[in-house]
Amino acid sequence: MQKLYSILLIALLVCVGCQWHMQSKDDDADIEEVAIERFDRAELLFLTTGDFSALQQMKTAYPIETRTLIEDVLGLGRVDEADINTRFLFFFQDSTLQSLMLDVEEQYHDVSDLNTSFTEAFSRLTQMIPSLSVPRIYTQIGSLDQSVVVGDSMVGISLDKYLGKDHPVYLKYGYNERQRSMMTRQYIVPDCLGFYLLGHYPMTAEERDSLPLRDAHMSRIQYVVNKAMNDNIFTSSEVKHIADSMARHPEITIDQLLSSPAV
């Protein structure tokens, strides 16, 4: 199992069928309301019924999401292989995954709170970084390998990684207390923001090869996530140091902060 923050950043250009419309926040500004696309429900329908017509609907309505899940997240093979449908179905017959699917449906029957949080956070984030577009967001059920998959214009959330710090499966598979504390509903939006930013502001080769530089880069990302969330989600000493530095240097933009460590 990969750690919560050890994910594969998938470079994909995607078109996810997410619903968007304009909602008036106040008399002076309009913001895009983010509506999470529930790919996980299409996935659940096939995996619980075994009806291949449900899989065909899944592939038709969500072709990019299906390919990403099967090929990149689960690593089952190419989506056009002759026996891939059977392999996909068989993979999820595991009792642990069956339990996770049912818990996802129970806990995330309603995601209106997440839609609101995403809308508000991306409104702040795009004000700080005007060149940044709002991605399309969808949910899926993985296999505890990845929390978030990110592309240029999409974010996919694996809800099986956000079922609560005391979920018995997490305890069974040895996630430590710190990891489990972040495997909760409240970390979905911060995680998505963080890894979306990381996709647009990737680490340099030097940063990837150095733990202190890598931590510093992630701390800058986390500082910006805190600003977008309007909350101190991440409270490390390095994040606090960046906050103090930015307060002393208001001329530094968020884009400059994320593009250069010199703060």
C-alpha atoms as a PDB file:
ATOM      1  CA  MET A   1       0.000   0.000   0.000  1.00  0.00           C
ATOM      2  CA  GLN A   2       1.299   3.406  -0.824  1.00  0.00           C
ATOM      3  CA  LYS A   3       1.278   6.112   1.825  1.00  0.00           C
ATOM      4  CA  LEU A   4      -1.446   8.691   1.637  1.00  0.00           C
ATOM      5  CA  TYR A   5       0.813  11.258   0.012  1.00  0.00           C
ATOM      6  CA  SER A   6       2.696   8.823  -2.243  1.00  0.00           C
ATOM      7  CA  ILE A   7       0.592   8.907  -5.384  1.00  0.00           C
ATOM      8  CA  LEU A   8       1.175   8.647  -9.082  1.00  0.00           C
ATOM      9  CA  LEU A   9       0.610  11.939 -10.885  1.00  0.00           C
ATOM     10  CA  ILE A  10      -1.014  10.826 -14.133  1.00  0.00           C
ATOM     11  CA  ALA A  11      -0.412  13.199 -17.062  1.00  0.00           C
ATOM     12  CA  LEU A  12      -3.695  13.055 -18.882  1.00  0.00           C
ATOM     13  CA  LEU A  13      -5.713  15.526 -20.884  1.00  0.00           C
ATOM     14  CA  VAL A  14      -9.260  14.597 -20.063  1.00  0.00           C
ATOM     15  CA  CYS A  15     -12.830  15.611 -20.612  1.00  0.00           C
ATOM     16  CA  VAL A  16     -14.884  14.515 -17.628  1.00  0.00           C
ATOM     17  CA  GLY A  17     -18.655  15.063 -17.756  1.00  0.00           C
ATOM     18  CA  CYS A  18     -18.883  17.315 -14.744  1.00  0.00           C
ATOM     19  CA  GLN A  19     -21.856  19.579 -14.153  1.00  0.00           C
ATOM     20  CA  TRP A  20     -21.180  23.283 -13.911  1.00  0.00           C
ATOM     21  CA  HIS A  21     -23.301  26.385 -13.586  1.00  0.00           C
ATOM     22  CA  MET A  22     -22.943  29.902 -12.284  1.00  0.00           C
ATOM     23  CA  GLN A  23     -24.054  30.689  -8.772  1.00  0.00           C
ATOM     24  CA  SER A  24     -24.204  34.160  -7.342  1.00  0.00           C
ATOM     25  CA  LYS A  25     -22.168  34.386  -4.163  1.00  0.00           C
ATOM     26  CA  ASP A  26     -22.848  38.064  -3.583  1.00  0.00           C
ATOM     27  CA  ASP A  27     -23.881  41.127  -5.544  1.00  0.00           C
ATOM     28  CA  ASP A  28     -20.412  41.691  -6.959  1.00  0.00           C
ATOM     29  CA  ALA A  29     -19.030  38.282  -7.862  1.00  0.00           C
ATOM     30  CA  ASP A  30     -20.048  35.038  -9.528  1.00  0.00           C
ATOM     31  CA  ILE A  31     -18.219  31.787  -9.000  1.00  0.00           C
ATOM     32  CA  GLU A  32     -18.411  28.439 -10.705  1.00  0.00           C
ATOM     33  CA  GLU A  33     -20.140  25.864  -8.574  1.00  0.00           C
ATOM     34  CA  VAL A  34     -18.255  22.592  -8.591  1.00  0.00           C
ATOM     35  CA  ALA A  35     -20.436  19.493  -8.801  1.00  0.00           C
ATOM     36  CA  ILE A  36     -18.567  16.251  -8.209  1.00  0.00           C
ATOM     37  CA  GLU A  37     -19.216  13.656 -10.903  1.00  0.00           C
ATOM     38  CA  ARG A  38     -20.219  10.360  -9.269  1.00  0.00           C
ATOM     39  CA  PHE A  39     -18.274   7.873 -11.363  1.00  0.00           C
ATOM     40  CA  ASP A  40     -18.072   5.650  -8.273  1.00  0.00           C
ATOM     41  CA  ARG A  41     -21.797   4.931  -8.534  1.00  0.00           C
ATOM     42  CA  ALA A  42     -21.501   3.757 -12.119  1.00  0.00           C
ATOM     43  CA  GLU A  43     -18.578   1.605 -11.019  1.00  0.00           C
ATOM     44  CA  LEU A  44     -20.495   0.224  -8.047  1.00  0.00           C
ATOM     45  CA  LEU A  45     -23.458  -0.751 -10.216  1.00  0.00           C
ATOM     46  CA  PHE A  46     -21.303  -3.022 -12.374  1.00  0.00           C
ATOM     47  CA  LEU A  47     -19.217  -4.426  -9.544  1.00  0.00           C
ATOM     48  CA  THR A  48     -22.246  -5.374  -7.437  1.00  0.00           C
ATOM     49  CA  THR A  49     -24.491  -6.706 -10.221  1.00  0.00           C
ATOM     50  CA  GLY A  50     -21.942  -8.174 -12.622  1.00  0.00           C
ATOM     51  CA  ASP A  51     -24.151  -6.937 -15.443  1.00  0.00           C
ATOM     52  CA  PHE A  52     -21.857  -6.233 -18.403  1.00  0.00           C
ATOM     53  CA  SER A  53     -24.409  -3.821 -19.851  1.00  0.00           C
ATOM     54  CA  ALA A  54     -23.720  -1.696 -16.758  1.00  0.00           C
ATOM     55  CA  LEU A  55     -20.009  -1.804 -17.606  1.00  0.00           C
ATOM     56  CA  GLN A  56     -20.773  -0.750 -21.159  1.00  0.00           C
ATOM     57  CA  GLN A  57     -22.729   2.216 -19.834  1.00  0.00           C
ATOM     58  CA  MET A  58     -19.803   3.004 -17.545  1.00  0.00           C
ATOM     59  CA  LYS A  59     -17.383   3.001 -20.480  1.00  0.00           C
ATOM     60  CA  THR A  60     -19.732   5.063 -22.625  1.00  0.00           C
ATOM     61  CA  ALA A  61     -20.513   7.739 -20.032  1.00  0.00           C
ATOM     62  CA  TYR A  62     -17.058   7.792 -18.412  1.00  0.00           C
ATOM     63  CA  PRO A  63     -14.495   6.562 -20.942  1.00  0.00           C
ATOM     64  CA  ILE A  64     -11.477   8.451 -19.553  1.00  0.00           C
ATOM     65  CA  GLU A  65     -12.309   7.668 -15.947  1.00  0.00           C
ATOM     66  CA  THR A  66     -12.770   3.984 -16.746  1.00  0.00           C
ATOM     67  CA  ARG A  67      -9.486   3.771 -18.613  1.00  0.00           C
ATOM     68  CA  THR A  68      -7.638   5.630 -15.848  1.00  0.00           C
ATOM     69  CA  LEU A  69      -9.090   3.361 -13.160  1.00  0.00           C
ATOM     70  CA  ILE A  70      -8.426   0.062 -14.939  1.00  0.00           C
ATOM     71  CA  GLU A  71      -5.067   0.852 -16.502  1.00  0.00           C
ATOM     72  CA  ASP A  72      -3.398   3.328 -14.154  1.00  0.00           C
ATOM     73  CA  VAL A  73      -4.969   2.999 -10.716  1.00  0.00           C
ATOM     74  CA  LEU A  74      -5.598  -0.748 -10.567  1.00  0.00           C
ATOM     75  CA  GLY A  75      -2.997  -1.771 -13.149  1.00  0.00           C
ATOM     76  CA  LEU A  76      -5.160  -4.571 -14.532  1.00  0.00           C
ATOM     77  CA  GLY A  77      -4.106  -4.153 -18.156  1.00  0.00           C
ATOM     78  CA  ARG A  78      -5.357  -2.293 -21.209  1.00  0.00           C
ATOM     79  CA  VAL A  79      -9.023  -1.414 -21.233  1.00  0.00           C
ATOM     80  CA  ASP A  80      -9.425  -2.893 -24.735  1.00  0.00           C
ATOM     81  CA  GLU A  81      -8.050  -6.343 -23.865  1.00  0.00           C
ATOM     82  CA  ALA A  82     -10.459  -9.190 -24.520  1.00  0.00           C
ATOM     83  CA  ASP A  83     -10.773 -10.419 -20.936  1.00  0.00           C
ATOM     84  CA  ILE A  84     -10.333  -7.103 -19.112  1.00  0.00           C
ATOM     85  CA  ASN A  85     -14.014  -6.904 -18.113  1.00  0.00           C
ATOM     86  CA  THR A  86     -13.819 -10.252 -16.336  1.00  0.00           C
ATOM     87  CA  ARG A  87     -10.528  -9.337 -14.669  1.00  0.00           C
ATOM     88  CA  PHE A  88     -11.993  -6.056 -13.461  1.00  0.00           C
ATOM     89  CA  LEU A  89     -15.047  -7.764 -11.995  1.00  0.00           C
ATOM     90  CA  PHE A  90     -13.051 -10.580 -10.424  1.00  0.00           C
ATOM     91  CA  PHE A  91     -10.595  -8.145  -8.830  1.00  0.00           C
ATOM     92  CA  PHE A  92     -13.387  -6.545  -6.814  1.00  0.00           C
ATOM     93  CA  GLN A  93     -14.830  -9.825  -5.554  1.00  0.00           C
ATOM     94  CA  ASP A  94     -12.285  -9.615  -2.733  1.00  0.00           C
ATOM     95  CA  SER A  95     -14.220  -9.395   0.534  1.00  0.00           C
ATOM     96  CA  THR A  96     -12.218  -6.384   1.740  1.00  0.00           C
ATOM     97  CA  LEU A  97     -12.967  -4.403  -1.402  1.00  0.00           C
ATOM     98  CA  GLN A  98     -16.619  -5.422  -1.252  1.00  0.00           C
ATOM     99  CA  SER A  99     -16.780  -4.041   2.284  1.00  0.00           C
ATOM    100  CA  LEU A 100     -15.087  -0.809   1.231  1.00  0.00           C
ATOM    101  CA  MET A 101     -17.556  -0.320  -1.620  1.00  0.00           C
ATOM    102  CA  LEU A 102     -20.535  -0.637   0.706  1.00  0.00           C
ATOM    103  CA  ASP A 103     -18.987   1.763   3.207  1.00  0.00           C
ATOM    104  CA  VAL A 104     -18.289   4.295   0.457  1.00  0.00           C
ATOM    105  CA  GLU A 105     -21.932   4.192  -0.628  1.00  0.00           C
ATOM    106  CA  GLU A 106     -23.098   4.640   2.960  1.00  0.00           C
ATOM    107  CA  GLN A 107     -20.743   7.467   3.922  1.00  0.00           C
ATOM    108  CA  TYR A 108     -20.823   9.363   0.640  1.00  0.00           C
ATOM    109  CA  HIS A 109     -24.449   9.083  -0.328  1.00  0.00           C
ATOM    110  CA  ASP A 110     -24.556  12.887  -0.085  1.00  0.00           C
ATOM    111  CA  VAL A 111     -21.543  14.987  -1.144  1.00  0.00           C
ATOM    112  CA  SER A 112     -23.194  18.397  -1.202  1.00  0.00           C
ATOM    113  CA  ASP A 113     -20.879  19.578   1.580  1.00  0.00           C
ATOM    114  CA  LEU A 114     -17.857  18.668  -0.552  1.00  0.00           C
ATOM    115  CA  ASN A 115     -19.312  20.493  -3.550  1.00  0.00           C
ATOM    116  CA  THR A 116     -19.664  23.622  -1.433  1.00  0.00           C
ATOM    117  CA  SER A 117     -16.150  23.308  -0.010  1.00  0.00           C
ATOM    118  CA  PHE A 118     -14.623  22.756  -3.457  1.00  0.00           C
ATOM    119  CA  THR A 119     -16.509  25.744  -4.839  1.00  0.00           C
ATOM    120  CA  GLU A 120     -15.336  28.091  -2.103  1.00  0.00           C
ATOM    121  CA  ALA A 121     -11.744  26.790  -2.106  1.00  0.00           C
ATOM    122  CA  PHE A 122     -11.287  27.052  -5.859  1.00  0.00           C
ATOM    123  CA  SER A 123     -12.832  30.518  -5.822  1.00  0.00           C
ATOM    124  CA  ARG A 124     -10.078  31.639  -3.442  1.00  0.00           C
ATOM    125  CA  LEU A 125      -7.374  29.656  -5.223  1.00  0.00           C
ATOM    126  CA  THR A 126      -8.116  31.088  -8.668  1.00  0.00           C
ATOM    127  CA  GLN A 127      -8.115  34.576  -7.199  1.00  0.00           C
ATOM    128  CA  MET A 128      -4.622  33.914  -5.860  1.00  0.00           C
ATOM    129  CA  ILE A 129      -3.472  32.263  -9.114  1.00  0.00           C
ATOM    130  CA  PRO A 130      -5.604  33.709 -11.947  1.00  0.00           C
ATOM    131  CA  SER A 131      -3.913  31.508 -14.564  1.00  0.00           C
ATOM    132  CA  LEU A 132      -5.110  28.366 -12.797  1.00  0.00           C
ATOM    133  CA  SER A 133      -8.278  26.793 -14.149  1.00  0.00           C
ATOM    134  CA  VAL A 134     -10.852  24.955 -12.064  1.00  0.00           C
ATOM    135  CA  PRO A 135     -10.524  21.212 -12.733  1.00  0.00           C
ATOM    136  CA  ARG A 136     -13.338  18.750 -13.186  1.00  0.00           C
ATOM    137  CA  ILE A 137     -13.675  16.460 -10.217  1.00  0.00           C
ATOM    138  CA  TYR A 138     -14.982  12.907  -9.966  1.00  0.00           C
ATOM    139  CA  THR A 139     -15.109  10.133  -7.393  1.00  0.00           C
ATOM    140  CA  GLN A 140     -14.115   6.512  -7.803  1.00  0.00           C
ATOM    141  CA  ILE A 141     -13.480   3.354  -5.775  1.00  0.00           C
ATOM    142  CA  GLY A 142      -9.905   2.114  -5.986  1.00  0.00           C
ATOM    143  CA  SER A 143      -8.024  -0.519  -4.046  1.00  0.00           C
ATOM    144  CA  LEU A 144      -6.344   1.528  -1.289  1.00  0.00           C
ATOM    145  CA  ASP A 145      -3.359   2.267  -3.545  1.00  0.00           C
ATOM    146  CA  GLN A 146      -3.990   5.919  -4.384  1.00  0.00           C
ATOM    147  CA  SER A 147      -5.948   8.723  -2.764  1.00  0.00           C
ATOM    148  CA  VAL A 148      -6.042  11.146  -5.665  1.00  0.00           C
ATOM    149  CA  VAL A 149      -5.218  10.979  -9.382  1.00  0.00           C
ATOM    150  CA  VAL A 150      -4.463  14.246 -11.096  1.00  0.00           C
ATOM    151  CA  GLY A 151      -4.281  15.462 -14.676  1.00  0.00           C
ATOM    152  CA  ASP A 152      -4.143  18.863 -16.324  1.00  0.00           C
ATOM    153  CA  SER A 153      -7.888  19.392 -16.085  1.00  0.00           C
ATOM    154  CA  MET A 154      -9.170  16.658 -13.787  1.00  0.00           C
ATOM    155  CA  VAL A 155      -8.981  15.350 -10.258  1.00  0.00           C
ATOM    156  CA  GLY A 156     -10.151  11.862  -9.334  1.00  0.00           C
ATOM    157  CA  ILE A 157     -10.849  11.041  -5.677  1.00  0.00           C
ATOM    158  CA  SER A 158     -10.623   7.463  -4.421  1.00  0.00           C
ATOM    159  CA  LEU A 159     -13.277   7.482  -1.721  1.00  0.00           C
ATOM    160  CA  ASP A 160     -12.065   4.157  -0.302  1.00  0.00           C
ATOM    161  CA  LYS A 161      -9.129   6.141   1.157  1.00  0.00           C
ATOM    162  CA  TYR A 162     -11.400   8.520   3.117  1.00  0.00           C
ATOM    163  CA  LEU A 163     -13.588   6.330   5.320  1.00  0.00           C
ATOM    164  CA  GLY A 164     -12.382   7.566   8.706  1.00  0.00           C
ATOM    165  CA  LYS A 165      -9.315   7.144  10.877  1.00  0.00           C
ATOM    166  CA  ASP A 166     -10.746   4.193  12.801  1.00  0.00           C
ATOM    167  CA  HIS A 167     -11.990   2.206   9.826  1.00  0.00           C
ATOM    168  CA  PRO A 168     -11.214  -1.473  10.531  1.00  0.00           C
ATOM    169  CA  VAL A 169      -9.639  -2.058   7.114  1.00  0.00           C
ATOM    170  CA  TYR A 170      -7.105   0.710   7.729  1.00  0.00           C
ATOM    171  CA  LEU A 171      -6.262  -0.799  11.101  1.00  0.00           C
ATOM    172  CA  LYS A 172      -6.008  -4.274   9.580  1.00  0.00           C
ATOM    173  CA  TYR A 173      -3.547  -3.172   6.907  1.00  0.00           C
ATOM    174  CA  GLY A 174      -1.280  -1.319   9.295  1.00  0.00           C
ATOM    175  CA  TYR A 175      -1.799   2.335   8.448  1.00  0.00           C
ATOM    176  CA  ASN A 176      -0.181   4.309  11.233  1.00  0.00           C
ATOM    177  CA  GLU A 177      -1.984   6.857  13.365  1.00  0.00           C
ATOM    178  CA  ARG A 178      -0.723   9.841  11.412  1.00  0.00           C
ATOM    179  CA  GLN A 179      -1.782   8.330   8.096  1.00  0.00           C
ATOM    180  CA  ARG A 180      -5.197   7.373   9.438  1.00  0.00           C
ATOM    181  CA  SER A 181      -5.765  10.845  10.860  1.00  0.00           C
ATOM    182  CA  MET A 182      -5.699  12.137   7.277  1.00  0.00           C
ATOM    183  CA  MET A 183      -7.931   9.406   5.822  1.00  0.00           C
ATOM    184  CA  THR A 184     -11.080  11.302   6.685  1.00  0.00           C
ATOM    185  CA  ARG A 185     -13.722  13.270   4.853  1.00  0.00           C
ATOM    186  CA  GLN A 186     -12.248  16.604   5.956  1.00  0.00           C
ATOM    187  CA  TYR A 187      -9.016  15.933   4.037  1.00  0.00           C
ATOM    188  CA  ILE A 188     -10.619  15.259   0.654  1.00  0.00           C
ATOM    189  CA  VAL A 189     -10.681  18.875  -0.490  1.00  0.00           C
ATOM    190  CA  PRO A 190      -7.225  19.807   0.900  1.00  0.00           C
ATOM    191  CA  ASP A 191      -5.683  16.690  -0.661  1.00  0.00           C
ATOM    192  CA  CYS A 192      -7.226  17.437  -4.043  1.00  0.00           C
ATOM    193  CA  LEU A 193      -6.082  21.052  -3.925  1.00  0.00           C
ATOM    194  CA  GLY A 194      -2.595  20.026  -2.883  1.00  0.00           C
ATOM    195  CA  PHE A 195      -2.026  17.450  -5.573  1.00  0.00           C
ATOM    196  CA  TYR A 196      -3.660  19.610  -8.241  1.00  0.00           C
ATOM    197  CA  LEU A 197      -1.203  22.376  -7.334  1.00  0.00           C
ATOM    198  CA  LEU A 198       1.646  19.878  -7.309  1.00  0.00           C
ATOM    199  CA  GLY A 199       0.710  18.910 -10.835  1.00  0.00           C
ATOM    200  CA  HIS A 200       1.018  22.541 -11.924  1.00  0.00           C
ATOM    201  CA  TYR A 201       4.046  23.308  -9.769  1.00  0.00           C
ATOM    202  CA  PRO A 202       6.042  20.060  -9.838  1.00  0.00           C
ATOM    203  CA  MET A 203       9.233  19.459  -7.926  1.00  0.00           C
ATOM    204  CA  THR A 204      12.528  19.949  -9.673  1.00  0.00           C
ATOM    205  CA  ALA A 205      14.928  17.025 -10.021  1.00  0.00           C
ATOM    206  CA  GLU A 206      17.004  18.531  -7.220  1.00  0.00           C
ATOM    207  CA  GLU A 207      13.975  18.714  -4.933  1.00  0.00           C
ATOM    208  CA  ARG A 208      12.974  15.137  -5.674  1.00  0.00           C
ATOM    209  CA  ASP A 209      16.465  13.941  -4.743  1.00  0.00           C
ATOM    210  CA  SER A 210      16.620  15.835  -1.450  1.00  0.00           C
ATOM    211  CA  LEU A 211      14.288  15.132   1.471  1.00  0.00           C
ATOM    212  CA  PRO A 212      14.659  18.639   3.003  1.00  0.00           C
ATOM    213  CA  LEU A 213      13.995  20.312  -0.356  1.00  0.00           C
ATOM    214  CA  ARG A 214      11.111  17.945  -1.049  1.00  0.00           C
ATOM    215  CA  ASP A 215       9.557  18.745   2.330  1.00  0.00           C
ATOM    216  CA  ALA A 216      10.034  22.471   1.724  1.00  0.00           C
ATOM    217  CA  HIS A 217       8.267  22.241  -1.634  1.00  0.00           C
ATOM    218  CA  MET A 218       5.325  20.374  -0.097  1.00  0.00           C
ATOM    219  CA  SER A 219       5.171  22.908   2.739  1.00  0.00           C
ATOM    220  CA  ARG A 220       4.767  25.730   0.233  1.00  0.00           C
ATOM    221  CA  ILE A 221       1.957  23.774  -1.407  1.00  0.00           C
ATOM    222  CA  GLN A 222       0.345  23.202   1.991  1.00  0.00           C
ATOM    223  CA  TYR A 223       0.580  26.890   2.872  1.00  0.00           C
ATOM    224  CA  VAL A 224      -1.366  27.751  -0.288  1.00  0.00           C
ATOM    225  CA  VAL A 225      -3.913  25.023   0.452  1.00  0.00           C
ATOM    226  CA  ASN A 226      -4.456  26.562   3.884  1.00  0.00           C
ATOM    227  CA  LYS A 227      -5.075  29.921   2.221  1.00  0.00           C
ATOM    228  CA  ALA A 228      -7.528  28.407  -0.251  1.00  0.00           C
ATOM    229  CA  MET A 229      -9.356  26.542   2.515  1.00  0.00           C
ATOM    230  CA  ASN A 230      -9.307  29.622   4.766  1.00  0.00           C
ATOM    231  CA  ASP A 231      -8.260  27.257   7.518  1.00  0.00           C
ATOM    232  CA  ASN A 232      -5.053  25.939   9.079  1.00  0.00           C
ATOM    233  CA  ILE A 233      -5.323  22.375   7.861  1.00  0.00           C
ATOM    234  CA  PHE A 234      -1.554  21.905   7.768  1.00  0.00           C
ATOM    235  CA  THR A 235       0.287  23.176  10.838  1.00  0.00           C
ATOM    236  CA  SER A 236       3.905  22.091  10.544  1.00  0.00           C
ATOM    237  CA  SER A 237       6.650  24.464  11.653  1.00  0.00           C
ATOM    238  CA  GLU A 238       7.742  24.851   8.023  1.00  0.00           C
ATOM    239  CA  VAL A 239       4.244  25.895   6.943  1.00  0.00           C
ATOM    240  CA  LYS A 240       4.125  28.406   9.794  1.00  0.00           C
ATOM    241  CA  HIS A 241       7.540  29.742   8.744  1.00  0.00           C
ATOM    242  CA  ILE A 242       6.285  30.280   5.196  1.00  0.00           C
ATOM    243  CA  ALA A 243       3.183  32.049   6.513  1.00  0.00           C
ATOM    244  CA  ASP A 244       5.356  34.403   8.572  1.00  0.00           C
ATOM    245  CA  SER A 245       7.652  35.067   5.613  1.00  0.00           C
ATOM    246  CA  MET A 246       4.741  35.809   3.288  1.00  0.00           C
ATOM    247  CA  ALA A 247       3.259  38.189   5.859  1.00  0.00           C
ATOM    248  CA  ARG A 248       6.554  40.103   5.879  1.00  0.00           C
ATOM    249  CA  HIS A 249       6.739  40.130   2.075  1.00  0.00           C
ATOM    250  CA  PRO A 250       3.264  40.895   0.700  1.00  0.00           C
ATOM    251  CA  GLU A 251       4.811  41.758  -2.666  1.00  0.00           C
ATOM    252  CA  ILE A 252       5.513  38.080  -3.336  1.00  0.00           C
ATOM    253  CA  THR A 253       2.703  36.439  -5.273  1.00  0.00           C
ATOM    254  CA  ILE A 254       1.505  32.899  -4.722  1.00  0.00           C
ATOM    255  CA  ASP A 255       2.730  31.998  -8.192  1.00  0.00           C
ATOM    256  CA  GLN A 256       6.196  33.265  -7.302  1.00  0.00           C
ATOM    257  CA  LEU A 257       6.124  31.367  -4.012  1.00  0.00           C
ATOM    258  CA  LEU A 258       5.301  28.087  -5.706  1.00  0.00           C
ATOM    259  CA  SER A 259       7.677  28.661  -8.592  1.00  0.00           C
ATOM    260  CA  SER A 260      10.685  29.505  -6.434  1.00  0.00           C
ATOM    261  CA  PRO A 261      11.818  28.532  -2.928  1.00  0.00           C
ATOM    262  CA  ALA A 262      13.346  31.964  -2.302  1.00  0.00           C
ATOM    263  CA  VAL A 263      10.948  33.352   0.303  1.00  0.00           C
END
